[in-house]
Amino acid sequence: MKYVDKDLYRDNIFNIVVPMNDVRNCKQICGINIVTREWVKFFDIVSPYPNLDRWLSELSKQIGRRICVGEDSMMSYFPKGHRTLSKLQRKELFYPLLKKYVKKFKERI
């Protein structure tokens, strides 16, 4: 809770992102995502895709609700693996649906 000011987002819709480091020492920002109940209630889903880390990180970044934890405070480690979605699938499926969810959030008021 030290990363979240209780008055920062009054609707309590936000994502805390913990950076990750894989076995190649390749640091990325979207290792672990921590979302609130209100986030899940609003979007009715955590992620429509198996690679929820990328989805949550991208969506929270685009709607301005991403809180990044510094790697000096916390870091997650994952082994080298394969992509869940191909680049083509991300282009044709992932990013168009991401735009839809960003639009939904921006039209909420």
Protein backbone atom coordinates (compact mmCIF):
# COMPACT_ATOMS: atom_id res chain seq x y z
CA MET A 1 0.00 0.00 0.00
CA LYS A 2 2.97 2.34 0.26
CA TYR A 3 2.77 2.78 -3.52
CA VAL A 4 -0.85 3.89 -3.55
CA ASP A 5 -2.19 7.18 -2.27
CA LYS A 6 -5.76 6.45 -1.15
CA ASP A 7 -6.90 9.66 -2.85
CA LEU A 8 -5.03 9.07 -6.13
CA TYR A 9 -7.90 7.27 -7.89
CA ARG A 10 -11.16 7.78 -6.03
CA ASP A 11 -12.92 5.09 -8.12
CA ASN A 12 -10.20 2.62 -7.06
CA ILE A 13 -9.58 1.45 -10.66
CA PHE A 14 -5.83 0.98 -11.13
CA ASN A 15 -3.07 -1.54 -11.74
CA ILE A 16 0.19 -1.90 -9.81
CA VAL A 17 2.93 -3.25 -12.08
CA VAL A 18 5.94 -5.12 -10.69
CA PRO A 19 8.91 -5.37 -13.09
CA MET A 20 10.37 -8.72 -14.09
CA ASN A 21 13.73 -10.08 -15.11
CA ASP A 22 14.08 -13.23 -17.22
CA VAL A 23 17.03 -15.60 -17.36
CA ARG A 24 18.66 -13.48 -20.10
CA ASN A 25 18.70 -10.50 -17.71
CA CYS A 26 16.13 -8.84 -19.98
CA LYS A 27 14.19 -6.44 -17.77
CA GLN A 28 10.57 -5.69 -18.63
CA ILE A 29 7.98 -3.60 -16.83
CA CYS A 30 5.03 -6.00 -17.07
CA GLY A 31 6.05 -8.95 -14.92
CA ILE A 32 3.28 -9.04 -12.33
CA ASN A 33 0.09 -6.97 -12.32
CA ILE A 34 -2.03 -6.30 -9.25
CA VAL A 35 -5.50 -4.99 -10.03
CA THR A 36 -8.31 -3.97 -7.71
CA ARG A 37 -11.77 -5.51 -7.39
CA GLU A 38 -13.18 -2.34 -8.88
CA TRP A 39 -10.97 -2.84 -11.95
CA VAL A 40 -12.40 -6.32 -12.50
CA LYS A 41 -15.97 -5.15 -11.84
CA PHE A 42 -15.63 -2.30 -14.33
CA PHE A 43 -14.08 -4.30 -17.18
CA ASP A 44 -15.97 -7.56 -16.38
CA ILE A 45 -12.77 -9.50 -17.10
CA VAL A 46 -9.15 -9.67 -16.03
CA SER A 47 -7.88 -10.40 -19.55
CA PRO A 48 -9.40 -11.82 -22.72
CA TYR A 49 -6.02 -13.39 -23.56
CA PRO A 50 -3.73 -15.87 -21.79
CA ASN A 51 -0.90 -13.32 -21.64
CA LEU A 52 -2.68 -11.18 -19.11
CA ASP A 53 0.54 -9.46 -18.02
CA ARG A 54 0.88 -7.64 -21.33
CA TRP A 55 -2.88 -6.92 -21.51
CA LEU A 56 -3.12 -5.41 -18.03
CA SER A 57 0.08 -3.42 -18.41
CA GLU A 58 -0.90 -2.01 -21.82
CA LEU A 59 -4.48 -1.21 -20.80
CA SER A 60 -3.51 0.49 -17.55
CA LYS A 61 -0.82 2.50 -19.35
CA GLN A 62 -3.21 3.69 -22.05
CA ILE A 63 -5.94 4.73 -19.61
CA GLY A 64 -3.44 6.40 -17.27
CA ARG A 65 -3.98 4.01 -14.34
CA ARG A 66 -0.63 2.19 -14.17
CA ILE A 67 1.45 2.49 -11.00
CA CYS A 68 4.97 1.14 -11.53
CA VAL A 69 6.97 -0.28 -8.67
CA GLY A 70 10.68 0.47 -9.00
CA GLU A 71 12.98 -2.48 -9.57
CA ASP A 72 15.04 -1.34 -6.59
CA SER A 73 12.01 -2.09 -4.37
CA MET A 74 10.62 -5.26 -5.93
CA MET A 75 11.43 -7.54 -8.87
CA SER A 76 9.91 -10.76 -10.19
CA TYR A 77 11.87 -13.42 -12.05
CA PHE A 78 10.55 -15.72 -14.75
CA PRO A 79 12.30 -18.38 -16.81
CA LYS A 80 12.74 -17.93 -20.55
CA GLY A 81 9.62 -19.03 -22.40
CA HIS A 82 7.66 -18.74 -25.59
CA ARG A 83 5.16 -16.11 -26.63
CA THR A 84 1.55 -16.86 -25.80
CA LEU A 85 0.27 -14.86 -28.78
CA SER A 86 2.19 -14.46 -32.01
CA LYS A 87 3.01 -11.00 -33.37
CA LEU A 88 0.27 -11.46 -35.98
CA GLN A 89 -2.30 -12.44 -33.33
CA ARG A 90 -1.35 -9.39 -31.26
CA LYS A 91 -1.77 -7.17 -34.32
CA GLU A 92 -5.09 -8.66 -35.48
CA LEU A 93 -6.71 -9.56 -32.14
CA PHE A 94 -4.96 -8.10 -29.11
CA TYR A 95 -4.49 -4.43 -30.04
CA PRO A 96 -7.96 -3.90 -31.64
CA LEU A 97 -9.64 -5.29 -28.53
CA LEU A 98 -7.34 -3.21 -26.34
CA LYS A 99 -8.59 -0.07 -28.13
CA LYS A 100 -12.18 -1.11 -27.39
CA TYR A 101 -11.48 -1.39 -23.65
CA VAL A 102 -9.61 1.94 -23.57
CA LYS A 103 -12.61 3.57 -25.28
CA LYS A 104 -14.98 2.00 -22.74
CA PHE A 105 -12.94 3.44 -19.87
CA LYS A 106 -12.74 6.90 -21.39
CA GLU A 107 -16.51 6.97 -22.01
CA ARG A 108 -17.41 5.93 -18.43
CA ILE A 109 -18.47 9.39 -17.31
